[in-house]
Amino acid sequence: MPVDRTAEDLLAAVLASPRAVAAHDKTAWVGLFAEQAAVHDPYGSRAHIGPEAISRFYNVFIAPNTIAFRVERDIVAGHTVVRDLHIETTMSTGATVVVPMHLRYDLVATDGGWRITRLAAHWELGVMVGRLLRTGPAGVLAGVKLGPQLISELGFGGALGMMRALRGVGAAGKRAVEELFAATARGDAVAVRTLLGTQAEVELPAGHALGLEEFADRARGMEWSKLIAAGRTVSASVRVGGAAGVAFVDFAADANRIIAVTVFLDGSLES
């Protein structure tokens, strides 16, 4: 099979992020982003847009901590890289938490090479806070220190914007996605059509639009795990037809209706 140089370059651009994080190289990390890039971390919180805001995000969430990326799979599709992973964060107080995550990087070609134009980090803020507090006094102290850091760097508005991540489709969204995936796994096109309605957009794999009946047929027997509800999206690690990947299921603003299903499947590069 011919080597996809663009896919290799995209993945190389993304892999520069954990390297810069591990080295605590703020200049290198901020420099990975395009001029008006947006960082949604966690997804569902207020976005950090542009180099100044992204720099402040780094000061709060990266600079004081030691962060390790435990990657299970990388997927390249079009100009997007999706990572299926866990993040291990050791706070300045010594508390360590491991959080399941799906990362989506959208990239753009610039004169200086590929740059990240949008980073969406799908993880659950409530889950992370619970795990942090369960680490004991070091975790409680880390939480106490984070509040003033948030306000100092992001202001009261930014701190409140972070808390938006606690709202979203939550457990109800996960149940809806599991119901949809179960119908898809058994090839029940009628149930899939009922659950999605006629207006939902489906891509399997990402970039390839399908009708609902075709989706039910192609994804028959699908398997899923690691459901994450972040904002109005539920992401999941999936396996379809022997290929592993990550699915993103988007809900309408009222959180009662699925409007899009996008499934990124491995195949562009070896993981």
Protein backbone atom coordinates (compact mmCIF):
# COMPACT_ATOMS: atom_id res chain seq x y z
CA MET A 1 0.00 0.00 0.00
CA PRO A 2 1.45 3.45 -0.89
CA VAL A 3 2.48 5.64 2.02
CA ASP A 4 0.15 8.58 2.65
CA ARG A 5 2.64 11.40 3.21
CA THR A 6 -0.07 13.91 4.15
CA ALA A 7 -1.39 11.57 6.83
CA GLU A 8 2.14 11.11 8.17
CA ASP A 9 2.67 14.89 8.26
CA LEU A 10 -0.63 15.46 10.03
CA LEU A 11 0.14 12.87 12.68
CA ALA A 12 3.65 14.29 13.11
CA ALA A 13 2.16 17.73 13.76
CA VAL A 14 -0.16 16.27 16.41
CA LEU A 15 2.59 14.21 18.05
CA ALA A 16 4.51 17.42 18.61
CA SER A 17 1.88 18.39 21.20
CA PRO A 18 2.63 15.73 23.86
CA ARG A 19 6.35 16.28 23.29
CA ALA A 20 6.00 20.00 24.03
CA VAL A 21 3.76 19.24 27.02
CA ALA A 22 6.29 16.76 28.45
CA ALA A 23 9.11 19.28 27.99
CA HIS A 24 7.00 22.12 29.44
CA ASP A 25 7.87 24.10 26.32
CA LYS A 26 5.13 26.70 26.23
CA THR A 27 6.45 28.47 23.13
CA ALA A 28 6.56 25.24 21.14
CA TRP A 29 3.10 24.15 22.29
CA VAL A 30 1.34 27.43 21.58
CA GLY A 31 3.18 27.58 18.26
CA LEU A 32 1.46 24.37 17.10
CA PHE A 33 -1.80 26.29 16.69
CA ALA A 34 -2.98 28.43 13.80
CA GLU A 35 -3.55 32.14 14.40
CA GLN A 36 -7.25 31.92 15.28
CA ALA A 37 -7.29 28.34 16.52
CA ALA A 38 -9.81 27.22 19.12
CA VAL A 39 -9.08 24.94 22.07
CA HIS A 40 -12.17 23.22 23.53
CA ASP A 41 -10.77 21.53 26.64
CA PRO A 42 -12.85 20.00 28.02
CA TYR A 43 -15.32 19.99 25.15
CA GLY A 44 -18.47 21.79 26.26
CA SER A 45 -16.58 24.49 28.15
CA ARG A 46 -15.99 27.96 26.70
CA ALA A 47 -13.42 27.80 23.91
CA HIS A 48 -9.98 29.42 24.18
CA ILE A 49 -9.49 31.22 20.85
CA GLY A 50 -6.27 32.77 19.56
CA PRO A 51 -2.69 32.65 20.84
CA GLU A 52 -3.22 34.83 23.92
CA ALA A 53 -6.14 32.76 25.21
CA ILE A 54 -4.37 29.51 24.39
CA SER A 55 -1.29 30.77 26.24
CA ARG A 56 -3.41 31.46 29.34
CA PHE A 57 -4.95 27.99 29.05
CA TYR A 58 -1.41 26.56 29.06
CA ASN A 59 -0.54 28.53 32.20
CA VAL A 60 -3.46 27.06 34.14
CA PHE A 61 -3.75 23.49 32.95
CA ILE A 62 -0.34 22.44 31.61
CA ALA A 63 2.44 24.49 33.21
CA PRO A 64 1.89 23.38 36.86
CA ASN A 65 1.32 19.71 36.03
CA THR A 66 3.07 16.64 34.68
CA ILE A 67 0.96 15.13 31.89
CA ALA A 68 1.41 11.76 30.20
CA PHE A 69 -0.51 10.59 27.13
CA ARG A 70 -1.44 6.88 27.23
CA VAL A 71 -2.49 6.43 23.61
CA GLU A 72 -4.40 3.40 22.42
CA ARG A 73 -5.02 4.46 18.83
CA ASP A 74 -4.44 7.27 16.34
CA ILE A 75 -6.72 7.77 13.35
CA VAL A 76 -6.12 10.14 10.43
CA ALA A 77 -9.02 11.09 8.16
CA GLY A 78 -8.90 14.02 5.78
CA HIS A 79 -7.25 16.86 7.70
CA THR A 80 -8.32 15.48 11.08
CA VAL A 81 -6.46 13.35 13.62
CA VAL A 82 -8.38 11.54 16.34
CA ARG A 83 -6.64 10.03 19.36
CA ASP A 84 -8.17 7.35 21.61
CA LEU A 85 -6.32 7.56 24.90
CA HIS A 86 -6.14 8.12 28.64
CA ILE A 87 -4.45 11.17 30.12
CA GLU A 88 -2.46 10.78 33.34
CA THR A 89 -2.05 14.09 35.16
CA THR A 90 0.10 14.60 38.24
CA MET A 91 -0.75 17.87 39.94
CA SER A 92 1.73 20.15 41.68
CA THR A 93 0.50 18.73 45.00
CA GLY A 94 1.43 15.19 43.96
CA ALA A 95 -2.15 13.99 43.31
CA THR A 96 -2.40 11.84 40.16
CA VAL A 97 -5.56 11.21 38.16
CA VAL A 98 -6.12 9.15 35.01
CA VAL A 99 -8.97 10.26 32.78
CA PRO A 100 -10.39 8.51 29.67
CA MET A 101 -10.41 10.81 26.68
CA HIS A 102 -10.93 11.20 22.94
CA LEU A 103 -9.00 14.02 21.27
CA ARG A 104 -9.93 15.50 17.91
CA TYR A 105 -7.44 17.74 16.10
CA ASP A 106 -8.49 19.60 12.94
CA LEU A 107 -5.49 20.94 11.05
CA VAL A 108 -4.78 23.42 8.27
CA ALA A 109 -1.80 23.80 5.92
CA THR A 110 0.19 27.01 6.42
CA ASP A 111 3.46 28.39 5.08
CA GLY A 112 5.08 27.04 8.25
CA GLY A 113 3.60 23.56 7.87
CA TRP A 114 0.52 21.96 9.34
CA ARG A 115 -1.06 23.83 12.26
CA ILE A 116 -3.90 22.90 14.59
CA THR A 117 -6.96 25.01 13.89
CA ARG A 118 -9.27 23.28 16.39
CA LEU A 119 -8.61 20.97 19.33
CA ALA A 120 -11.60 19.26 20.95
CA ALA A 121 -10.77 17.30 24.11
CA HIS A 122 -13.66 14.99 24.97
CA TRP A 123 -13.49 14.09 28.66
CA GLU A 124 -15.82 14.46 31.61
CA LEU A 125 -15.03 17.23 34.07
CA GLY A 126 -17.23 15.72 36.77
CA VAL A 127 -15.44 12.38 36.50
CA MET A 128 -12.04 14.05 36.75
CA VAL A 129 -13.03 16.12 39.81
CA GLY A 130 -14.40 13.02 41.54
CA ARG A 131 -11.23 11.06 40.90
CA LEU A 132 -9.08 13.97 42.04
CA LEU A 133 -10.93 14.33 45.35
CA ARG A 134 -10.67 10.58 45.97
CA THR A 135 -6.88 10.83 45.94
CA GLY A 136 -7.11 12.39 49.41
CA PRO A 137 -5.63 15.59 50.85
CA ALA A 138 -3.29 16.13 47.89
CA GLY A 139 -6.28 16.07 45.55
CA VAL A 140 -8.33 18.42 47.71
CA LEU A 141 -5.39 20.82 47.88
CA ALA A 142 -5.01 20.69 44.09
CA GLY A 143 -8.66 21.63 43.71
CA VAL A 144 -8.29 24.49 46.17
CA LYS A 145 -5.28 25.85 44.27
CA LEU A 146 -6.99 25.57 40.87
CA GLY A 147 -9.73 28.09 41.68
CA PRO A 148 -7.44 31.12 42.17
CA GLN A 149 -5.34 30.04 39.17
CA LEU A 150 -8.43 29.95 36.97
CA ILE A 151 -9.55 33.40 38.06
CA SER A 152 -6.06 34.88 37.83
CA GLU A 153 -5.46 33.69 34.26
CA LEU A 154 -8.97 33.46 32.79
CA GLY A 155 -10.97 35.88 34.91
CA PHE A 156 -14.34 35.17 36.52
CA GLY A 157 -15.93 34.80 33.08
CA GLY A 158 -13.35 32.25 32.04
CA ALA A 159 -13.77 30.29 35.26
CA LEU A 160 -17.52 30.20 34.75
CA GLY A 161 -16.93 29.22 31.12
CA MET A 162 -14.96 26.22 32.31
CA MET A 163 -17.92 25.13 34.46
CA ARG A 164 -20.11 24.90 31.35
CA ALA A 165 -18.51 21.51 30.82
CA LEU A 166 -20.52 20.19 33.76
CA ARG A 167 -23.67 20.66 31.67
CA GLY A 168 -24.55 18.68 28.57
CA VAL A 169 -26.24 15.48 27.47
CA GLY A 170 -24.75 13.46 30.35
CA ALA A 171 -26.05 10.02 31.27
CA ALA A 172 -29.23 10.43 29.21
CA GLY A 173 -27.12 11.08 26.11
CA LYS A 174 -25.05 7.97 26.78
CA ARG A 175 -28.21 5.87 27.11
CA ALA A 176 -29.52 7.24 23.81
CA VAL A 177 -26.24 6.43 22.07
CA GLU A 178 -26.15 2.92 23.51
CA GLU A 179 -29.69 2.36 22.26
CA LEU A 180 -28.70 3.58 18.81
CA PHE A 181 -25.56 1.44 18.71
CA ALA A 182 -27.47 -1.62 19.88
CA ALA A 183 -30.00 -1.16 17.07
CA THR A 184 -27.15 -0.67 14.60
CA ALA A 185 -25.29 -3.74 15.86
CA ARG A 186 -28.29 -5.95 15.15
CA GLY A 187 -28.86 -4.31 11.76
CA ASP A 188 -32.29 -2.98 12.72
CA ALA A 189 -32.79 -0.26 10.12
CA VAL A 190 -36.31 0.54 11.35
CA ALA A 191 -35.07 1.22 14.89
CA VAL A 192 -32.10 3.23 13.59
CA ARG A 193 -34.41 5.38 11.48
CA THR A 194 -36.75 5.88 14.45
CA LEU A 195 -33.90 6.86 16.78
CA LEU A 196 -32.23 9.21 14.31
CA GLY A 197 -35.18 10.64 12.38
CA THR A 198 -34.83 11.69 8.77
CA GLN A 199 -32.62 14.77 9.24
CA ALA A 200 -29.63 13.24 11.05
CA GLU A 201 -26.35 13.15 9.12
CA VAL A 202 -24.29 9.97 9.24
CA GLU A 203 -20.69 9.51 8.07
CA LEU A 204 -19.09 6.05 8.10
CA PRO A 205 -16.18 6.40 7.84
CA ALA A 206 -15.76 10.15 8.42
CA GLY A 207 -16.13 12.03 5.15
CA HIS A 208 -18.43 9.43 3.58
CA ALA A 209 -22.13 10.21 4.01
CA LEU A 210 -24.53 7.28 4.29
CA GLY A 211 -28.28 6.83 4.32
CA LEU A 212 -29.71 5.42 7.53
CA GLU A 213 -30.49 1.99 6.05
CA GLU A 214 -26.99 1.73 4.61
CA PHE A 215 -25.53 2.77 7.97
CA ALA A 216 -27.49 0.03 9.74
CA ASP A 217 -26.26 -2.50 7.21
CA ARG A 218 -22.58 -1.50 7.13
CA ALA A 219 -22.29 -1.16 10.92
CA ARG A 220 -24.05 -4.42 11.69
CA GLY A 221 -22.23 -6.20 14.52
CA MET A 222 -20.50 -3.03 15.75
CA GLU A 223 -18.98 -3.01 19.22
CA TRP A 224 -18.47 -0.04 21.51
CA SER A 225 -16.91 0.96 24.82
CA LYS A 226 -15.62 4.01 26.72
CA LEU A 227 -18.58 6.31 26.23
CA ILE A 228 -17.76 9.93 27.13
CA ALA A 229 -20.41 12.66 27.39
CA ALA A 230 -18.86 16.10 26.85
CA GLY A 231 -21.08 19.05 26.05
CA ARG A 232 -23.70 18.04 23.49
CA THR A 233 -21.57 15.19 22.15
CA VAL A 234 -21.09 11.58 23.19
CA SER A 235 -17.91 9.96 21.92
CA ALA A 236 -17.17 6.24 22.00
CA SER A 237 -14.42 3.81 21.11
CA VAL A 238 -15.90 1.51 18.48
CA ARG A 239 -15.14 -1.43 16.26
CA VAL A 240 -16.94 -1.76 12.93
CA GLY A 241 -16.30 -4.54 10.45
CA GLY A 242 -13.00 -5.41 12.09
CA ALA A 243 -11.76 -1.79 12.03
CA ALA A 244 -11.30 0.12 15.28
CA GLY A 245 -12.15 3.76 15.67
CA VAL A 246 -13.93 6.54 17.49
CA ALA A 247 -17.52 7.69 16.97
CA PHE A 248 -18.82 11.17 17.76
CA VAL A 249 -22.58 11.48 18.23
CA ASP A 250 -23.84 15.07 18.29
CA PHE A 251 -27.11 16.19 19.86
CA ALA A 252 -29.30 19.19 19.10
CA ALA A 253 -29.26 22.22 21.38
CA ASP A 254 -32.21 20.86 23.35
CA ALA A 255 -30.17 17.65 23.97
CA ASN A 256 -33.19 15.53 23.04
CA ARG A 257 -32.33 14.65 19.45
CA ILE A 258 -29.30 13.16 17.70
CA ILE A 259 -28.36 15.28 14.70
CA ALA A 260 -25.10 13.69 13.52
CA VAL A 261 -23.05 10.51 13.80
CA THR A 262 -19.45 10.61 12.58
CA VAL A 263 -17.32 7.47 12.81
CA PHE A 264 -13.55 7.76 12.38
CA LEU A 265 -12.04 4.37 11.56
CA ASP A 266 -8.42 3.26 11.61
CA GLY A 267 -6.86 2.52 8.25
CA SER A 268 -4.96 5.59 7.13
CA LEU A 269 -1.99 4.80 9.36
CA GLU A 270 -0.94 1.99 11.61
CA SER A 271 -1.63 2.80 15.27
